[in-house]
C-alpha cells in the first residue's frame, strides 16, 4: 500500500470491504420463553417494554427519513462507468476556483496521460513515497487496475488554469484496506496527491489544492461526513500541507507498507479550520 503525500505522492489499492449489521425488535423477543426446569411447565415470557419498542420504531423511522433526504439531494453520477456511482460521479464535479487559479479533476485516460504520470513517478522525490518508478507499464498497471475496478477509486489528473500539474486518487476509504486500520465510517472518502512539477512544491500550492478538493468532495458527496488521508510519517511537508488545508491530525496508524499519520477533514468543522 503506497503512502499518501501532498508534496510528493502516494496511493492505495482499494478492495471490497463489507460490514454486517443486525437489529432486534420487541416483536422478535415477545414470544421468547425460558424453561423453568425439566419438571416444570412454568415459562417466563421476555418482552421489551412498550415504551422501548416505540422508541426503537421512532429511531428507525427517523433513520429512514434521513436516508431518503440524502438520496434526494445526492448529485447524479456522471462518469465513465456505472461503477463511478460509488463516488458520485467525479468526472462531473467540474471546475472550482482557488487562490491559485481554476482547478479541475479530470479522470485519467491511460492512452493520453500515461507518459506524463510515469515521468512524475520516476522523479526520485516522488518514487521514495509512491514506489511506482520504472517502465511505463508500472504506472499503467497501477492506474488501469483502478479504471477497470468498480469505481471505488478514481485516478485523476489535476488541471490548474488548464495545465496538467498533479495526479490524484479519490477513493472510498471505507471500502479500502485502510478501513482495517482506523474506525472507518460509511462514505469516508480518501485523497492521494502527487504534485508533478518541482516548481509546484514547497510554496503552499499543495495545501491550497487539498483544501479545494476536500471541499469538492464534501459538496458533491452529501453522504460523506469526512475526508481522510494517510501521509507517511516521514513526510513532514506532506503532513504540514494537510494540516494547513483544514485537516486535523487524528492518529498514527501502522499500515503494511508504512507508518502513517491519519488526518481528517470533518464536514462539521470545514468552516472553522
Protein backbone atom coordinates (compact mmCIF):
# COMPACT_ATOMS: atom_id res chain seq x y z
CA UNK A 1 0.00 0.00 0.00
CA UNK A 2 1.99 3.06 -1.18
CA UNK A 3 1.82 6.06 1.14
CA UNK A 4 -0.08 9.33 0.78
CA UNK A 5 1.80 12.56 0.18
CA UNK A 6 0.71 16.10 -0.56
CA UNK A 7 4.04 17.21 -1.96
CA UNK A 8 5.44 14.05 -3.49
CA UNK A 9 2.66 11.47 -3.69
CA UNK A 10 1.01 8.26 -2.58
CA UNK A 11 -1.59 5.64 -3.39
CA UNK A 12 -3.52 2.65 -2.14
CA UNK A 13 -5.19 -0.29 -3.84
CA UNK A 14 -8.84 -0.39 -2.74
CA UNK A 15 -10.52 -3.70 -2.08
CA UNK A 16 -14.03 -4.72 -1.14
CA UNK A 17 -14.86 -4.04 2.46
CA UNK A 18 -18.18 -5.20 3.83
CA UNK A 19 -19.87 -4.85 7.16
CA UNK A 20 -22.71 -6.79 8.71
CA UNK A 21 -25.43 -5.28 10.88
CA UNK A 22 -28.15 -6.85 12.96
CA UNK A 23 -31.19 -5.39 14.72
CA UNK A 24 -33.59 -6.74 17.30
CA UNK A 25 -37.16 -5.57 17.86
CA UNK A 26 -39.69 -6.16 20.58
CA UNK A 27 -41.66 -8.37 18.23
CA UNK A 28 -38.75 -10.78 17.82
CA UNK A 29 -38.39 -11.14 21.57
CA UNK A 30 -42.03 -11.12 22.58
CA UNK A 31 -42.51 -14.85 22.06
CA UNK A 32 -39.26 -15.97 23.68
CA UNK A 33 -39.58 -18.33 26.65
CA UNK A 34 -37.17 -19.87 29.10
CA UNK A 35 -37.81 -23.31 30.57
CA UNK A 36 -38.13 -23.06 34.34
CA UNK A 37 -36.91 -26.65 34.65
CA UNK A 38 -37.30 -30.05 33.12
CA UNK A 39 -40.06 -30.97 35.58
CA UNK A 40 -41.94 -27.71 35.40
CA UNK A 41 -44.45 -26.36 32.93
CA UNK A 42 -43.84 -22.77 34.07
CA UNK A 43 -42.42 -20.41 31.47
CA UNK A 44 -41.20 -16.82 31.66
CA UNK A 45 -42.09 -14.54 28.77
CA UNK A 46 -39.41 -11.97 27.90
CA UNK A 47 -40.77 -8.86 26.22
CA UNK A 48 -39.38 -5.38 25.71
CA UNK A 49 -41.40 -2.63 27.39
CA UNK A 50 -43.89 -0.90 25.08
CA UNK A 51 -42.11 2.42 25.64
CA UNK A 52 -38.78 0.98 24.43
CA UNK A 53 -40.41 -0.64 21.40
CA UNK A 54 -41.98 2.70 20.49
CA UNK A 55 -38.61 4.45 20.86
CA UNK A 56 -36.87 1.91 18.60
CA UNK A 57 -39.57 2.31 15.95
CA UNK A 58 -39.27 6.10 16.13
CA UNK A 59 -35.47 5.96 15.71
CA UNK A 60 -35.83 3.56 12.78
CA UNK A 61 -38.35 5.87 11.10
CA UNK A 62 -36.04 8.86 11.59
CA UNK A 63 -33.15 6.90 10.01
CA UNK A 64 -35.36 6.07 7.02
CA UNK A 65 -36.28 9.74 6.63
CA UNK A 66 -32.61 10.81 6.83
CA UNK A 67 -31.56 8.27 4.19
CA UNK A 68 -34.39 9.43 1.97
CA UNK A 69 -33.20 13.05 2.20
CA UNK A 70 -29.63 12.03 1.32
CA UNK A 71 -30.83 10.12 -1.74
CA UNK A 72 -32.96 13.03 -2.90
CA UNK A 73 -30.12 15.57 -2.60
CA UNK A 74 -27.28 13.42 -3.93
CA UNK A 75 -25.68 14.62 -7.15
CA UNK A 76 -26.44 12.37 -10.13
CA UNK A 77 -23.49 10.25 -11.17
CA UNK A 78 -21.69 11.49 -14.24
CA UNK A 79 -18.71 9.41 -15.22
CA UNK A 80 -17.09 6.91 -17.48
CA UNK A 81 -18.85 3.91 -15.96
CA UNK A 82 -21.71 2.90 -13.72
CA UNK A 83 -19.19 1.98 -11.03
CA UNK A 84 -18.35 5.66 -10.66
CA UNK A 85 -21.61 5.93 -8.67
CA UNK A 86 -19.59 4.87 -5.61
CA UNK A 87 -18.02 8.34 -5.68
CA UNK A 88 -20.98 10.31 -7.02
CA UNK A 89 -19.54 10.99 -10.46
CA UNK A 90 -16.06 12.50 -10.02
CA UNK A 91 -15.96 13.15 -13.77
CA UNK A 92 -18.88 15.53 -13.44
CA UNK A 93 -17.67 17.54 -10.45
CA UNK A 94 -16.48 20.34 -12.70
CA UNK A 95 -14.04 23.20 -12.10
CA UNK A 96 -13.59 25.11 -8.86
CA UNK A 97 -11.98 28.46 -8.13
CA UNK A 98 -8.87 28.50 -5.93
CA UNK A 99 -6.43 31.28 -4.95
CA UNK A 100 -4.01 29.66 -7.43
CA UNK A 101 -6.47 29.64 -10.33
CA UNK A 102 -9.28 27.48 -11.69
CA UNK A 103 -8.75 23.82 -10.79
CA UNK A 104 -10.45 20.68 -12.07
CA UNK A 105 -10.10 16.94 -11.57
CA UNK A 106 -10.15 15.06 -14.89
CA UNK A 107 -10.33 11.25 -14.69
CA UNK A 108 -7.26 9.57 -16.18
CA UNK A 109 -7.26 8.24 -19.73
CA UNK A 110 -4.27 5.94 -19.89
CA UNK A 111 -3.55 6.48 -23.59
CA UNK A 112 -3.45 10.24 -23.02
CA UNK A 113 -1.87 10.54 -19.57
CA UNK A 114 0.47 7.57 -19.12
CA UNK A 115 3.69 9.20 -20.34
CA UNK A 116 3.19 12.24 -18.09
CA UNK A 117 2.25 10.27 -14.97
CA UNK A 118 5.10 7.81 -15.49
CA UNK A 119 7.56 10.69 -15.77
CA UNK A 120 6.28 12.11 -12.49
CA UNK A 121 6.53 8.70 -10.82
CA UNK A 122 10.19 8.45 -11.85
CA UNK A 123 11.13 11.66 -10.05
CA UNK A 124 13.29 10.36 -7.15
CA UNK A 125 11.45 12.56 -4.64
CA UNK A 126 8.14 11.01 -5.75
CA UNK A 127 9.43 7.45 -6.13
CA UNK A 128 10.52 7.43 -2.48
CA UNK A 129 6.88 7.50 -1.42
CA UNK A 130 4.87 6.08 -4.33
CA UNK A 131 7.15 3.17 -5.27
CA UNK A 132 5.89 3.26 -8.88
CA UNK A 133 9.11 4.18 -10.68
CA UNK A 134 10.33 2.17 -13.65
CA UNK A 135 8.93 1.41 -17.06
CA UNK A 136 5.64 2.99 -18.11
CA UNK A 137 3.97 -0.37 -17.61
CA UNK A 138 4.37 0.03 -13.83
CA UNK A 139 2.26 3.20 -13.69
CA UNK A 140 -0.06 1.82 -16.36
CA UNK A 141 -0.83 -1.28 -14.30
CA UNK A 142 -1.46 0.83 -11.19
CA UNK A 143 -3.92 3.16 -12.91
CA UNK A 144 -5.60 0.55 -15.11
CA UNK A 145 -6.47 -1.58 -12.09
CA UNK A 146 -8.47 1.32 -10.70
CA UNK A 147 -10.10 2.20 -14.02
CA UNK A 148 -11.14 -1.43 -14.55
CA UNK A 149 -12.47 -1.72 -11.00
CA UNK A 150 -15.93 -0.98 -9.66
CA UNK A 151 -15.41 2.75 -9.20
CA UNK A 152 -14.28 2.80 -5.58
CA UNK A 153 -11.07 4.59 -6.63
CA UNK A 154 -10.82 7.13 -9.46
CA UNK A 155 -7.36 8.25 -10.69
CA UNK A 156 -7.37 11.83 -11.94
CA UNK A 157 -5.16 14.48 -13.47
CA UNK A 158 -5.32 17.82 -11.69
CA UNK A 159 -5.69 20.68 -14.17
CA UNK A 160 -4.72 24.12 -12.87
CA UNK A 161 -5.52 27.01 -15.21
CA UNK A 162 -5.86 24.42 -17.99
CA UNK A 163 -2.46 22.79 -17.39
CA UNK A 164 -1.93 19.21 -16.12
CA UNK A 165 0.18 19.56 -12.99
CA UNK A 166 -0.82 16.89 -10.46
CA UNK A 167 -2.02 13.31 -10.08
CA UNK A 168 -4.85 12.45 -7.68
CA UNK A 169 -6.70 9.39 -6.47
CA UNK A 170 -10.14 9.94 -4.98
CA UNK A 171 -11.23 6.76 -3.25
CA UNK A 172 -13.76 5.27 -0.87
CA UNK A 173 -11.71 4.92 2.29
CA UNK A 174 -14.45 2.86 3.92
CA UNK A 175 -14.08 0.28 1.13
CA UNK A 176 -10.27 0.37 1.10
CA UNK A 177 -7.75 -1.73 3.07
CA UNK A 178 -7.20 1.47 5.08
CA UNK A 179 -10.56 0.81 6.78
CA UNK A 180 -8.98 -2.12 8.63
CA UNK A 181 -6.65 0.28 10.44
CA UNK A 182 -8.95 3.02 11.73
CA UNK A 183 -12.60 3.35 12.83
CA UNK A 184 -13.99 4.00 9.36
CA UNK A 185 -17.44 5.46 8.82
CA UNK A 186 -19.70 4.85 5.83
CA UNK A 187 -18.76 7.00 2.82
CA UNK A 188 -15.43 8.19 4.26
CA UNK A 189 -13.59 9.50 1.20
CA UNK A 190 -9.81 9.39 0.81
CA UNK A 191 -7.36 11.56 -1.11
CA UNK A 192 -3.94 10.79 -2.58
CA UNK A 193 -1.98 13.60 -4.22
CA UNK A 194 1.20 13.95 -6.24
CA UNK A 195 2.42 17.37 -7.37
CA UNK A 196 4.20 16.71 -10.64
CA UNK A 197 6.44 19.72 -11.15
CA UNK A 198 9.31 20.55 -8.82
CA UNK A 199 8.39 24.24 -9.11
CA UNK A 200 4.96 23.50 -7.66
CA UNK A 201 6.33 22.02 -4.46
CA UNK A 202 7.24 23.80 -1.26
CA UNK A 203 5.26 27.00 -1.87
CA UNK A 204 1.90 26.22 -0.33
CA UNK A 205 0.20 25.03 -3.51
CA UNK A 206 -0.39 21.56 -2.10
CA UNK A 207 -2.42 22.86 0.84
CA UNK A 208 -4.40 25.19 -1.46
CA UNK A 209 -5.41 22.33 -3.74
CA UNK A 210 -6.04 19.89 -0.90
CA UNK A 211 -8.49 22.31 0.66
CA UNK A 212 -10.21 22.85 -2.69
CA UNK A 213 -10.52 19.12 -3.41
CA UNK A 214 -11.71 18.30 0.12
CA UNK A 215 -14.39 20.97 -0.31
CA UNK A 216 -15.35 19.44 -3.65
CA UNK A 217 -15.75 16.03 -2.03
CA UNK A 218 -17.96 17.42 0.73
CA UNK A 219 -20.02 19.48 -1.72
CA UNK A 220 -20.53 16.69 -4.26
CA UNK A 221 -20.91 13.78 -1.85
CA UNK A 222 -23.75 14.61 0.59
CA UNK A 223 -23.41 11.24 2.36
CA UNK A 224 -19.72 11.83 3.12
CA UNK A 225 -19.05 13.37 6.54
CA UNK A 226 -15.25 13.09 6.48
CA UNK A 227 -12.36 13.33 4.04
CA UNK A 228 -9.33 11.33 5.16
CA UNK A 229 -5.72 10.80 4.14
CA UNK A 230 -2.74 8.82 5.42
CA UNK A 231 0.56 10.56 4.57
CA UNK A 232 3.79 8.84 5.51
CA UNK A 233 5.00 9.92 8.94
CA UNK A 234 8.42 10.59 7.42
CA UNK A 235 7.00 13.15 5.05
CA UNK A 236 6.59 16.17 7.28
CA UNK A 237 5.98 18.63 4.40
CA UNK A 238 3.05 16.50 3.30
CA UNK A 239 1.55 16.35 6.78
CA UNK A 240 2.00 20.10 7.14
CA UNK A 241 0.15 20.63 3.86
CA UNK A 242 -2.82 18.61 5.04
CA UNK A 243 -2.97 20.48 8.35
CA UNK A 244 -2.79 23.82 6.55
CA UNK A 245 -5.66 22.64 4.33
CA UNK A 246 -8.03 22.23 7.29
CA UNK A 247 -7.36 18.59 8.12
CA UNK A 248 -6.78 17.61 11.74
CA UNK A 249 -4.31 15.02 12.98
CA UNK A 250 -6.27 12.01 14.22
CA UNK A 251 -3.80 9.18 14.94
CA UNK A 252 -0.65 7.36 13.99
CA UNK A 253 -1.50 4.11 12.22
CA UNK A 254 0.58 1.12 11.17
CA UNK A 255 -0.08 0.20 7.54
CA UNK A 256 1.53 -2.73 5.69
CA UNK A 257 3.98 -0.52 3.80
CA UNK A 258 4.46 2.42 6.16
CA UNK A 259 3.70 4.20 9.38
CA UNK A 260 1.20 6.90 8.58
CA UNK A 261 -0.47 9.93 10.04
CA UNK A 262 -4.24 9.65 9.75
CA UNK A 263 -5.56 13.13 9.00
CA UNK A 264 -9.24 14.01 8.77
CA UNK A 265 -11.28 16.91 7.42
CA UNK A 266 -14.70 16.90 9.06
CA UNK A 267 -17.75 18.33 7.36
CA UNK A 268 -18.83 19.82 10.70
CA UNK A 269 -15.52 21.68 11.09
CA UNK A 270 -14.87 22.69 7.47
CA UNK A 271 -15.72 26.36 8.06
CA UNK A 272 -13.68 26.54 11.28
CA UNK A 273 -10.37 25.03 10.13
